PDB file of N, CA and C in Angstrom:
ATOM      1  N   MET A   1      93.895  89.356  76.084  1.00  0.00           N
ATOM      2  CA  MET A   1      95.147  89.275  75.377  1.00  0.00           C
ATOM      3  C   MET A   1      96.134  88.493  76.240  1.00  0.00           C
ATOM      4  N   THR A   2      96.813  87.543  75.673  1.00  0.00           N
ATOM      5  CA  THR A   2      97.796  86.734  76.390  1.00  0.00           C
ATOM      6  C   THR A   2      99.154  86.895  75.734  1.00  0.00           C
ATOM      7  N   LEU A   3     100.102  87.388  76.517  1.00  0.00           N
ATOM      8  CA  LEU A   3     101.466  87.567  76.025  1.00  0.00           C
ATOM      9  C   LEU A   3     102.439  86.575  76.647  1.00  0.00           C
ATOM     10  N   ARG A   4     101.990  85.865  77.663  1.00  0.00           N
ATOM     11  CA  ARG A   4     102.859  84.910  78.345  1.00  0.00           C
ATOM     12  C   ARG A   4     102.102  83.627  78.612  1.00  0.00           C
ATOM     13  N   ASP A   5     102.827  82.607  78.997  1.00  0.00           N
ATOM     14  CA  ASP A   5     102.252  81.302  79.295  1.00  0.00           C
ATOM     15  C   ASP A   5     101.443  81.402  80.589  1.00  0.00           C
ATOM     16  N   THR A   6     100.133  81.291  80.494  1.00  0.00           N
ATOM     17  CA  THR A   6      99.279  81.425  81.670  1.00  0.00           C
ATOM     18  C   THR A   6      99.174  80.135  82.479  1.00  0.00           C
ATOM     19  N   SER A   7      99.829  79.067  82.038  1.00  0.00           N
ATOM     20  CA  SER A   7      99.814  77.830  82.815  1.00  0.00           C
ATOM     21  C   SER A   7     100.915  77.817  83.871  1.00  0.00           C
ATOM     22  N   VAL A   8     101.729  78.885  83.879  1.00  0.00           N
ATOM     23  CA  VAL A   8     102.836  79.010  84.819  1.00  0.00           C
ATOM     24  C   VAL A   8     102.645  80.284  85.638  1.00  0.00           C
ATOM     25  N   CYS A   9     102.916  80.203  86.950  1.00  0.00           N
ATOM     26  CA  CYS A   9     102.798  81.373  87.821  1.00  0.00           C
ATOM     27  C   CYS A   9     103.822  82.432  87.407  1.00  0.00           C
ATOM     28  N   VAL A  10     103.354  83.629  87.206  1.00  0.00           N
ATOM     29  CA  VAL A  10     104.205  84.728  86.766  1.00  0.00           C
ATOM     30  C   VAL A  10     105.254  85.085  87.826  1.00  0.00           C
ATOM     31  N   TYR A  11     104.976  84.823  89.106  1.00  0.00           N
ATOM     32  CA  TYR A  11     105.901  85.176  90.185  1.00  0.00           C
ATOM     33  C   TYR A  11     106.797  84.023  90.616  1.00  0.00           C
ATOM     34  N   GLU A  12     106.212  82.862  90.841  1.00  0.00           N
ATOM     35  CA  GLU A  12     106.946  81.734  91.402  1.00  0.00           C
ATOM     36  C   GLU A  12     107.461  80.746  90.355  1.00  0.00           C
ATOM     37  N   GLY A  13     106.861  80.740  89.172  1.00  0.00           N
ATOM     38  CA  GLY A  13     107.303  79.848  88.116  1.00  0.00           C
ATOM     39  C   GLY A  13     106.705  78.449  88.149  1.00  0.00           C
ATOM     40  N   GLY A  14     105.937  78.135  89.199  1.00  0.00           N
ATOM     41  CA  GLY A  14     105.299  76.828  89.301  1.00  0.00           C
ATOM     42  C   GLY A  14     104.002  76.795  88.516  1.00  0.00           C
ATOM     43  N   PRO A  15     103.261  75.693  88.637  1.00  0.00           N
ATOM     44  CA  PRO A  15     101.993  75.572  87.904  1.00  0.00           C
ATOM     45  C   PRO A  15     100.968  76.606  88.373  1.00  0.00           C
ATOM     46  N   ALA A  16     100.302  77.214  87.424  1.00  0.00           N
ATOM     47  CA  ALA A  16      99.268  78.209  87.738  1.00  0.00           C
ATOM     48  C   ALA A  16      97.942  77.510  88.002  1.00  0.00           C
ATOM     49  N   VAL A  17      97.208  78.032  88.989  1.00  0.00           N
ATOM     50  CA  VAL A  17      95.876  77.510  89.291  1.00  0.00           C
ATOM     51  C   VAL A  17      94.805  78.554  88.965  1.00  0.00           C
ATOM     52  N   LYS A  18      95.251  79.758  88.653  1.00  0.00           N
ATOM     53  CA  LYS A  18      94.323  80.844  88.344  1.00  0.00           C
ATOM     54  C   LYS A  18      94.943  81.744  87.295  1.00  0.00           C
ATOM     55  N   VAL A  19      94.104  82.259  86.406  1.00  0.00           N
ATOM     56  CA  VAL A  19      94.546  83.213  85.398  1.00  0.00           C
ATOM     57  C   VAL A  19      93.845  84.537  85.679  1.00  0.00           C
ATOM     58  N   ARG A  20      94.633  85.611  85.743  1.00  0.00           N
ATOM     59  CA  ARG A  20      94.086  86.953  85.975  1.00  0.00           C
ATOM     60  C   ARG A  20      94.455  87.846  84.812  1.00  0.00           C
ATOM     61  N   SER A  21      93.775  88.966  84.741  1.00  0.00           N
ATOM     62  CA  SER A  21      94.084  89.976  83.729  1.00  0.00           C
ATOM     63  C   SER A  21      94.590  91.229  84.412  1.00  0.00           C
ATOM     64  N   GLY A  22      95.679  91.777  83.885  1.00  0.00           N
ATOM     65  CA  GLY A  22      96.226  93.015  84.414  1.00  0.00           C
ATOM     66  C   GLY A  22      95.441  94.214  83.918  1.00  0.00           C
ATOM     67  N   LYS A  23      95.866  95.395  84.349  1.00  0.00           N
ATOM     68  CA  LYS A  23      95.175  96.641  83.980  1.00  0.00           C
ATOM     69  C   LYS A  23      95.174  96.878  82.478  1.00  0.00           C
ATOM     70  N   ALA A  24      96.207  96.423  81.789  1.00  0.00           N
ATOM     71  CA  ALA A  24      96.281  96.611  80.336  1.00  0.00           C
ATOM     72  C   ALA A  24      95.598  95.479  79.582  1.00  0.00           C
ATOM     73  N   GLY A  25      94.992  94.530  80.334  1.00  0.00           N
ATOM     74  CA  GLY A  25      94.295  93.429  79.695  1.00  0.00           C
ATOM     75  C   GLY A  25      95.144  92.194  79.455  1.00  0.00           C
ATOM     76  N   ASN A  26      96.420  92.263  79.837  1.00  0.00           N
ATOM     77  CA  ASN A  26      97.301  91.108  79.668  1.00  0.00           C
ATOM     78  C   ASN A  26      96.969  90.041  80.702  1.00  0.00           C
ATOM     79  N   GLN A  27      96.891  88.800  80.262  1.00  0.00           N
ATOM     80  CA  GLN A  27      96.596  87.707  81.175  1.00  0.00           C
ATOM     81  C   GLN A  27      97.882  87.100  81.713  1.00  0.00           C
ATOM     82  N   TYR A  28      97.811  86.613  82.944  1.00  0.00           N
ATOM     83  CA  TYR A  28      98.961  85.967  83.562  1.00  0.00           C
ATOM     84  C   TYR A  28      98.466  84.904  84.537  1.00  0.00           C
ATOM     85  N   GLY A  29      99.303  83.908  84.783  1.00  0.00           N
ATOM     86  CA  GLY A  29      98.951  82.810  85.673  1.00  0.00           C
ATOM     87  C   GLY A  29      99.473  83.039  87.076  1.00  0.00           C
ATOM     88  N   LEU A  30      98.748  82.469  88.058  1.00  0.00           N
ATOM     89  CA  LEU A  30      99.156  82.550  89.452  1.00  0.00           C
ATOM     90  C   LEU A  30      99.034  81.175  90.105  1.00  0.00           C
ATOM     91  N   CYS A  31     100.027  80.809  90.914  1.00  0.00           N
ATOM     92  CA  CYS A  31      99.916  79.586  91.710  1.00  0.00           C
ATOM     93  C   CYS A  31      98.943  79.864  92.853  1.00  0.00           C
ATOM     94  N   ALA A  32      98.600  78.859  93.636  1.00  0.00           N
ATOM     95  CA  ALA A  32      97.617  79.028  94.710  1.00  0.00           C
ATOM     96  C   ALA A  32      98.050  80.075  95.727  1.00  0.00           C
ATOM     97  N   SER A  33      99.309  80.044  96.109  1.00  0.00           N
ATOM     98  CA  SER A  33      99.814  80.992  97.105  1.00  0.00           C
ATOM     99  C   SER A  33      99.768  82.430  96.588  1.00  0.00           C
ATOM    100  N   CYS A  34     100.218  82.629  95.372  1.00  0.00           N
ATOM    101  CA  CYS A  34     100.220  83.975  94.786  1.00  0.00           C
ATOM    102  C   CYS A  34      98.804  84.470  94.508  1.00  0.00           C
ATOM    103  N   ALA A  35      97.915  83.563  94.106  1.00  0.00           N
ATOM    104  CA  ALA A  35      96.520  83.940  93.867  1.00  0.00           C
ATOM    105  C   ALA A  35      95.888  84.421  95.166  1.00  0.00           C
ATOM    106  N   ASP A  36      96.165  83.714  96.268  1.00  0.00           N
ATOM    107  CA  ASP A  36      95.616  84.095  97.570  1.00  0.00           C
ATOM    108  C   ASP A  36      96.116  85.467  97.991  1.00  0.00           C
ATOM    109  N   ILE A  37      97.402  85.704  97.912  1.00  0.00           N
ATOM    110  CA  ILE A  37      97.958  86.982  98.350  1.00  0.00           C
ATOM    111  C   ILE A  37      97.497  88.114  97.435  1.00  0.00           C
ATOM    112  N   THR A  38      97.319  87.829  96.153  1.00  0.00           N
ATOM    113  CA  THR A  38      96.831  88.851  95.218  1.00  0.00           C
ATOM    114  C   THR A  38      95.388  89.234  95.540  1.00  0.00           C
ATOM    115  N   GLU A  39      94.560  88.250  95.837  1.00  0.00           N
ATOM    116  CA  GLU A  39      93.172  88.535  96.204  1.00  0.00           C
ATOM    117  C   GLU A  39      93.111  89.302  97.520  1.00  0.00           C
ATOM    118  N   ARG A  40      93.956  88.940  98.465  1.00  0.00           N
ATOM    119  CA  ARG A  40      94.011  89.658  99.743  1.00  0.00           C
ATOM    120  C   ARG A  40      94.434  91.110  99.520  1.00  0.00           C
ATOM    121  N   THR A  41      95.446  91.300  98.688  1.00  0.00           N
ATOM    122  CA  THR A  41      95.939  92.650  98.396  1.00  0.00           C
ATOM    123  C   THR A  41      94.849  93.491  97.740  1.00  0.00           C
ATOM    124  N   ASP A  42      94.120  92.906  96.809  1.00  0.00           N
ATOM    125  CA  ASP A  42      93.022  93.630  96.151  1.00  0.00           C
ATOM    126  C   ASP A  42      91.963  94.063  97.154  1.00  0.00           C
ATOM    127  N   ALA A  43      91.590  93.160  98.074  1.00  0.00           N
ATOM    128  CA  ALA A  43      90.560  93.471  99.071  1.00  0.00           C
ATOM    129  C   ALA A  43      91.027  94.594  99.995  1.00  0.00           C
ATOM    130  N   VAL A  44      92.245  94.509 100.471  1.00  0.00           N
ATOM    131  CA  VAL A  44      92.776  95.532 101.374  1.00  0.00           C
ATOM    132  C   VAL A  44      92.914  96.866 100.639  1.00  0.00           C
ATOM    133  N   SER A  45      93.380  96.838  99.409  1.00  0.00           N
ATOM    134  CA  SER A  45      93.544  98.073  98.633  1.00  0.00           C
ATOM    135  C   SER A  45      92.221  98.789  98.451  1.00  0.00           C
ATOM    136  N   GLU A  46      91.182  98.048  98.147  1.00  0.00           N
ATOM    137  CA  GLU A  46      89.870  98.663  97.952  1.00  0.00           C
ATOM    138  C   GLU A  46      89.404  99.378  99.221  1.00  0.00           C
ATOM    139  N   ILE A  47      89.574  98.738 100.350  1.00  0.00           N
ATOM    140  CA  ILE A  47      89.157  99.338 101.622  1.00  0.00           C
ATOM    141  C   ILE A  47      90.018 100.544 101.965  1.00  0.00           C
ATOM    142  N   MET A  48      91.328 100.404 101.854  1.00  0.00           N
ATOM    143  CA  MET A  48      92.227 101.480 102.270  1.00  0.00           C
ATOM    144  C   MET A  48      92.199 102.672 101.318  1.00  0.00           C
ATOM    145  N   GLU A  49      91.937 102.456 100.055  1.00  0.00           N
ATOM    146  CA  GLU A  49      91.823 103.601  99.139  1.00  0.00           C
ATOM    147  C   GLU A  49      90.595 104.447  99.485  1.00  0.00           C
ATOM    148  N   GLY A  50      89.542 103.800  99.955  1.00  0.00           N
ATOM    149  CA  GLY A  50      88.378 104.543 100.439  1.00  0.00           C
ATOM    150  C   GLY A  50      88.734 105.380 101.657  1.00  0.00           C
ATOM    151  N   PHE A  51      89.515 104.805 102.548  1.00  0.00           N
ATOM    152  CA  PHE A  51      89.979 105.532 103.737  1.00  0.00           C
ATOM    153  C   PHE A  51      90.848 106.718 103.324  1.00  0.00           C
ATOM    154  N   ARG A  52      91.765 106.495 102.376  1.00  0.00           N
ATOM    155  CA  ARG A  52      92.634 107.570 101.892  1.00  0.00           C
ATOM    156  C   ARG A  52      91.797 108.719 101.316  1.00  0.00           C
ATOM    157  N   THR A  53      90.779 108.378 100.545  1.00  0.00           N
ATOM    158  CA  THR A  53      89.904 109.398  99.950  1.00  0.00           C
ATOM    159  C   THR A  53      89.192 110.205 101.031  1.00  0.00           C
ATOM    160  N   ARG A  54      88.659 109.495 102.041  1.00  0.00           N
ATOM    161  CA  ARG A  54      87.962 110.204 103.120  1.00  0.00           C
ATOM    162  C   ARG A  54      88.899 111.115 103.889  1.00  0.00           C
ATOM    163  N   MET A  55      90.120 110.680 104.138  1.00  0.00           N
ATOM    164  CA  MET A  55      91.090 111.526 104.842  1.00  0.00           C
ATOM    165  C   MET A  55      91.460 112.743 103.990  1.00  0.00           C
ATOM    166  N   ARG A  56      91.603 112.527 102.682  1.00  0.00           N
ATOM    167  CA  ARG A  56      91.914 113.647 101.777  1.00  0.00           C
ATOM    168  C   ARG A  56      90.774 114.658 101.782  1.00  0.00           C
ATOM    169  N   GLU A  57      89.539 114.173 101.668  1.00  0.00           N
ATOM    170  CA  GLU A  57      88.372 115.062 101.650  1.00  0.00           C
ATOM    171  C   GLU A  57      88.229 115.839 102.952  1.00  0.00           C
ATOM    172  N   ALA A  58      88.660 115.255 104.065  1.00  0.00           N
ATOM    173  CA  ALA A  58      88.579 115.921 105.365  1.00  0.00           C
ATOM    174  C   ALA A  58      89.766 116.854 105.607  1.00  0.00           C
ATOM    175  N   GLY A  59      90.698 116.893 104.641  1.00  0.00           N
ATOM    176  CA  GLY A  59      91.867 117.752 104.781  1.00  0.00           C
ATOM    177  C   GLY A  59      92.876 117.227 105.792  1.00  0.00           C
ATOM    178  N   ARG A  60      92.869 115.930 106.060  1.00  0.00           N
ATOM    179  CA  ARG A  60      93.738 115.346 107.083  1.00  0.00           C
ATOM    180  C   ARG A  60      94.785 114.418 106.498  1.00  0.00           C
ATOM    181  N   LEU A  61      94.905 114.362 105.184  1.00  0.00           N
ATOM    182  CA  LEU A  61      95.854 113.445 104.545  1.00  0.00           C
ATOM    183  C   LEU A  61      97.229 114.103 104.497  1.00  0.00           C
ATOM    184  N   ASP A  62      98.050 113.790 105.486  1.00  0.00           N
ATOM    185  CA  ASP A  62      99.413 114.311 105.512  1.00  0.00           C
ATOM    186  C   ASP A  62     100.396 113.151 105.324  1.00  0.00           C
ATOM    187  N   GLU A  63     101.676 113.440 105.427  1.00  0.00           N
ATOM    188  CA  GLU A  63     102.691 112.421 105.168  1.00  0.00           C
ATOM    189  C   GLU A  63     102.601 111.257 106.155  1.00  0.00           C
ATOM    190  N   ARG A  64     102.297 111.547 107.417  1.00  0.00           N
ATOM    191  CA  ARG A  64     102.172 110.463 108.410  1.00  0.00           C
ATOM    192  C   ARG A  64     101.011 109.542 108.074  1.00  0.00           C
ATOM    193  N   ILE A  65      99.884 110.108 107.667  1.00  0.00           N
ATOM    194  CA  ILE A  65      98.713 109.291 107.324  1.00  0.00           C
ATOM    195  C   ILE A  65      99.016 108.484 106.056  1.00  0.00           C
ATOM    196  N   GLU A  66      99.679 109.092 105.075  1.00  0.00           N
ATOM    197  CA  GLU A  66     100.064 108.365 103.857  1.00  0.00           C
ATOM    198  C   GLU A  66     100.966 107.174 104.211  1.00  0.00           C
ATOM    199  N   ASP A  67     101.956 107.399 105.073  1.00  0.00           N
ATOM    200  CA  ASP A  67     102.852 106.319 105.489  1.00  0.00           C
ATOM    201  C   ASP A  67     102.072 105.227 106.211  1.00  0.00           C
ATOM    202  N   PHE A  68     101.147 105.634 107.039  1.00  0.00           N
ATOM    203  CA  PHE A  68     100.314 104.691 107.768  1.00  0.00           C
ATOM    204  C   PHE A  68      99.496 103.834 106.801  1.00  0.00           C
ATOM    205  N   ILE A  69      98.834 104.471 105.853  1.00  0.00           N
ATOM    206  CA  ILE A  69      98.017 103.750 104.865  1.00  0.00           C
ATOM    207  C   ILE A  69      98.895 102.794 104.061  1.00  0.00           C
ATOM    208  N   ASN A  70     100.055 103.263 103.632  1.00  0.00           N
ATOM    209  CA  ASN A  70     100.960 102.402 102.868  1.00  0.00           C
ATOM    210  C   ASN A  70     101.432 101.207 103.701  1.00  0.00           C
ATOM    211  N   GLY A  71     101.654 101.417 104.988  1.00  0.00           N
ATOM    212  CA  GLY A  71     102.031 100.316 105.865  1.00  0.00           C
ATOM    213  C   GLY A  71     100.931  99.274 105.965  1.00  0.00           C
ATOM    214  N   VAL A  72      99.687  99.729 106.073  1.00  0.00           N
ATOM    215  CA  VAL A  72      98.550  98.802 106.118  1.00  0.00           C
ATOM    216  C   VAL A  72      98.456  98.039 104.800  1.00  0.00           C
ATOM    217  N   LEU A  73      98.632  98.728 103.684  1.00  0.00           N
ATOM    218  CA  LEU A  73      98.559  98.076 102.373  1.00  0.00           C
ATOM    219  C   LEU A  73      99.614  96.981 102.228  1.00  0.00           C
ATOM    220  N   ILE A  74     100.770  97.180 102.820  1.00  0.00           N
ATOM    221  CA  ILE A  74     101.843  96.189 102.730  1.00  0.00           C
ATOM    222  C   ILE A  74     101.609  95.033 103.700  1.00  0.00           C
ATOM    223  N   CYS A  75     101.227  95.329 104.929  1.00  0.00           N
ATOM    224  CA  CYS A  75     101.165  94.309 105.977  1.00  0.00           C
ATOM    225  C   CYS A  75      99.856  93.529 106.041  1.00  0.00           C
ATOM    226  N   ALA A  76      98.735  94.171 105.840  1.00  0.00           N
ATOM    227  CA  ALA A  76      97.442  93.514 106.063  1.00  0.00           C
ATOM    228  C   ALA A  76      97.234  92.250 105.229  1.00  0.00           C
ATOM    229  N   PRO A  77      97.628  92.221 103.950  1.00  0.00           N
ATOM    230  CA  PRO A  77      97.408  90.981 103.194  1.00  0.00           C
ATOM    231  C   PRO A  77      98.180  89.780 103.742  1.00  0.00           C
ATOM    232  N   LEU A  78      99.185  90.020 104.577  1.00  0.00           N
ATOM    233  CA  LEU A  78      99.990  88.939 105.129  1.00  0.00           C
ATOM    234  C   LEU A  78      99.430  88.403 106.441  1.00  0.00           C
ATOM    235  N   ALA A  79      98.429  89.082 107.012  1.00  0.00           N
ATOM    236  CA  ALA A  79      97.847  88.667 108.290  1.00  0.00           C
ATOM    237  C   ALA A  79      97.068  87.364 108.119  1.00  0.00           C
ATOM    238  N   PRO A  80      97.031  86.541 109.169  1.00  0.00           N
ATOM    239  CA  PRO A  80      96.293  85.268 109.082  1.00  0.00           C
ATOM    240  C   PRO A  80      94.782  85.485 109.082  1.00  0.00           C
ATOM    241  N   GLY A  81      94.056  84.489 108.628  1.00  0.00           N
ATOM    242  CA  GLY A  81      92.600  84.551 108.622  1.00  0.00           C
ATOM    243  C   GLY A  81      92.051  84.843 107.242  1.00  0.00           C
ATOM    244  N   SER A  82      90.728  84.994 107.162  1.00  0.00           N
ATOM    245  CA  SER A  82      90.099  85.177 105.857  1.00  0.00           C
ATOM    246  C   SER A  82      89.286  86.455 105.751  1.00  0.00           C
ATOM    247  N   ASP A  83      89.286  87.289 106.787  1.00  0.00           N
ATOM    248  CA  ASP A  83      88.460  88.500 106.787  1.00  0.00           C
ATOM    249  C   ASP A  83      89.332  89.740 106.584  1.00  0.00           C
ATOM    250  N   PRO A  84      89.197  90.422 105.440  1.00  0.00           N
ATOM    251  CA  PRO A  84      90.029  91.606 105.181  1.00  0.00           C
ATOM    252  C   PRO A  84      89.907  92.689 106.254  1.00  0.00           C
ATOM    253  N   LEU A  85      88.712  92.874 106.794  1.00  0.00           N
ATOM    254  CA  LEU A  85      88.562  93.893 107.833  1.00  0.00           C
ATOM    255  C   LEU A  85      89.303  93.509 109.109  1.00  0.00           C
ATOM    256  N   ALA A  86      89.359  92.225 109.421  1.00  0.00           N
ATOM    257  CA  ALA A  86      90.114  91.772 110.595  1.00  0.00           C
ATOM    258  C   ALA A  86      91.606  91.984 110.377  1.00  0.00           C
ATOM    259  N   TRP A  87      92.107  91.718 109.167  1.00  0.00           N
ATOM    260  CA  TRP A  87      93.529  91.937 108.869  1.00  0.00           C
ATOM    261  C   TRP A  87      93.855  93.406 109.053  1.00  0.00           C
ATOM    262  N   ILE A  88      93.010  94.240 108.454  1.00  0.00           N
ATOM    263  CA  ILE A  88      93.252  95.680 108.502  1.00  0.00           C
ATOM    264  C   ILE A  88      93.184  96.176 109.940  1.00  0.00           C
ATOM    265  N   SER A  89      92.208  95.714 110.688  1.00  0.00           N
ATOM    266  CA  SER A  89      92.043  96.150 112.073  1.00  0.00           C
ATOM    267  C   SER A  89      93.284  95.834 112.900  1.00  0.00           C
ATOM    268  N   ALA A  90      93.795  94.612 112.775  1.00  0.00           N
ATOM    269  CA  ALA A  90      94.976  94.217 113.546  1.00  0.00           C
ATOM    270  C   ALA A  90      96.177  95.093 113.185  1.00  0.00           C
ATOM    271  N   VAL A  91      96.404  95.282 111.904  1.00  0.00           N
ATOM    272  CA  VAL A  91      97.539  96.086 111.455  1.00  0.00           C
ATOM    273  C   VAL A  91      97.314  97.558 111.791  1.00  0.00           C
ATOM    274  N   PHE A  92      96.082  98.013 111.623  1.00  0.00           N
ATOM    275  CA  PHE A  92      95.696  99.389 111.903  1.00  0.00           C
ATOM    276  C   PHE A  92      96.115  99.786 113.310  1.00  0.00           C
ATOM    277  N   HIS A  93      95.705  98.994 114.284  1.00  0.00           N
ATOM    278  CA  HIS A  93      95.987  99.327 115.676  1.00  0.00           C
ATOM    279  C   HIS A  93      97.478  99.272 115.976  1.00  0.00           C
ATOM    280  N   HIS A  94      98.165  98.301 115.427  1.00  0.00           N
ATOM    281  CA  HIS A  94      99.607  98.189 115.638  1.00  0.00           C
ATOM    282  C   HIS A  94     100.340  99.390 115.034  1.00  0.00           C
ATOM    283  N   LEU A  95     100.038  99.700 113.780  1.00  0.00           N
ATOM    284  CA  LEU A  95     100.731 100.805 113.109  1.00  0.00           C
ATOM    285  C   LEU A  95     100.332 102.164 113.666  1.00  0.00           C
ATOM    286  N   ALA A  96      99.090 102.322 114.051  1.00  0.00           N
ATOM    287  CA  ALA A  96      98.627 103.613 114.586  1.00  0.00           C
ATOM    288  C   ALA A  96      99.424 103.997 115.823  1.00  0.00           C
ATOM    289  N   LYS A  97      99.661 103.034 116.691  1.00  0.00           N
ATOM    290  CA  LYS A  97     100.450 103.305 117.899  1.00  0.00           C
ATOM    291  C   LYS A  97     101.889 103.637 117.543  1.00  0.00           C
ATOM    292  N   LYS A  98     102.463 102.897 116.592  1.00  0.00           N
ATOM    293  CA  LYS A  98     103.872 103.104 116.217  1.00  0.00           C
ATOM    294  C   LYS A  98     104.094 104.432 115.489  1.00  0.00           C
ATOM    295  N   THR A  99     103.123 104.869 114.701  1.00  0.00           N
ATOM    296  CA  THR A  99     103.320 106.075 113.886  1.00  0.00           C
ATOM    297  C   THR A  99     102.776 107.338 114.531  1.00  0.00           C
ATOM    298  N   GLY A 100     102.083 107.179 115.652  1.00  0.00           N
ATOM    299  CA  GLY A 100     101.573 108.353 116.349  1.00  0.00           C
ATOM    300  C   GLY A 100     100.298 108.925 115.747  1.00  0.00           C
ATOM    301  N   VAL A 101      99.579 108.153 114.956  1.00  0.00           N
ATOM    302  CA  VAL A 101      98.348 108.657 114.363  1.00  0.00           C
ATOM    303  C   VAL A 101      97.114 108.011 114.995  1.00  0.00           C
ATOM    304  N   GLU A 102      97.300 107.337 116.122  1.00  0.00           N
ATOM    305  CA  GLU A 102      96.223 106.579 116.753  1.00  0.00           C
ATOM    306  C   GLU A 102      94.970 107.418 116.972  1.00  0.00           C
ATOM    307  N   ALA A 103      95.110 108.612 117.497  1.00  0.00           N
ATOM    308  CA  ALA A 103      93.950 109.449 117.780  1.00  0.00           C
ATOM    309  C   ALA A 103      93.245 109.890 116.496  1.00  0.00           C
ATOM    310  N   GLU A 104      93.973 109.962 115.409  1.00  0.00           N
ATOM    311  CA  GLU A 104      93.390 110.453 114.165  1.00  0.00           C
ATOM    312  C   GLU A 104      92.663 109.393 113.375  1.00  0.00           C
ATOM    313  N   VAL A 105      92.926 108.115 113.626  1.00  0.00           N
ATOM    314  CA  VAL A 105      92.327 107.071 112.802  1.00  0.00           C
ATOM    315  C   VAL A 105      91.341 106.193 113.552  1.00  0.00           C
ATOM    316  N   THR A 106      91.095 106.462 114.819  1.00  0.00           N
ATOM    317  CA  THR A 106      90.137 105.643 115.546  1.00  0.00           C
ATOM    318  C   THR A 106      88.731 105.908 115.037  1.00  0.00           C
ATOM    319  N   ALA A 107      87.915 104.859 115.036  1.00  0.00           N
ATOM    320  CA  ALA A 107      86.546 104.986 114.509  1.00  0.00           C
ATOM    321  C   ALA A 107      85.614 105.573 115.539  1.00  0.00           C
TER     322      ALA A 107
END
């Protein structure tokens, strides 16, 4: 289903290079930059939601861990490179030290 012009980026307004479908099935266009960040966000979200589930199942999901996970979800897609695990790892270690959860999230 298309409710908007998919030849234009929904965020930046420039020419779209990719068309995606939202959760409700609505299609929208993305420029190259927005398409890249959206794909990065999807990759990081998939990994971190698994981590959130494991922490919940272990009874260790508290407010600090939630804040930590949310910080990774926001920052990791902005990290340089092409490997989602490398982005997460870099942000993970930085945020773990800052939030005091380092001992709880080490592998």
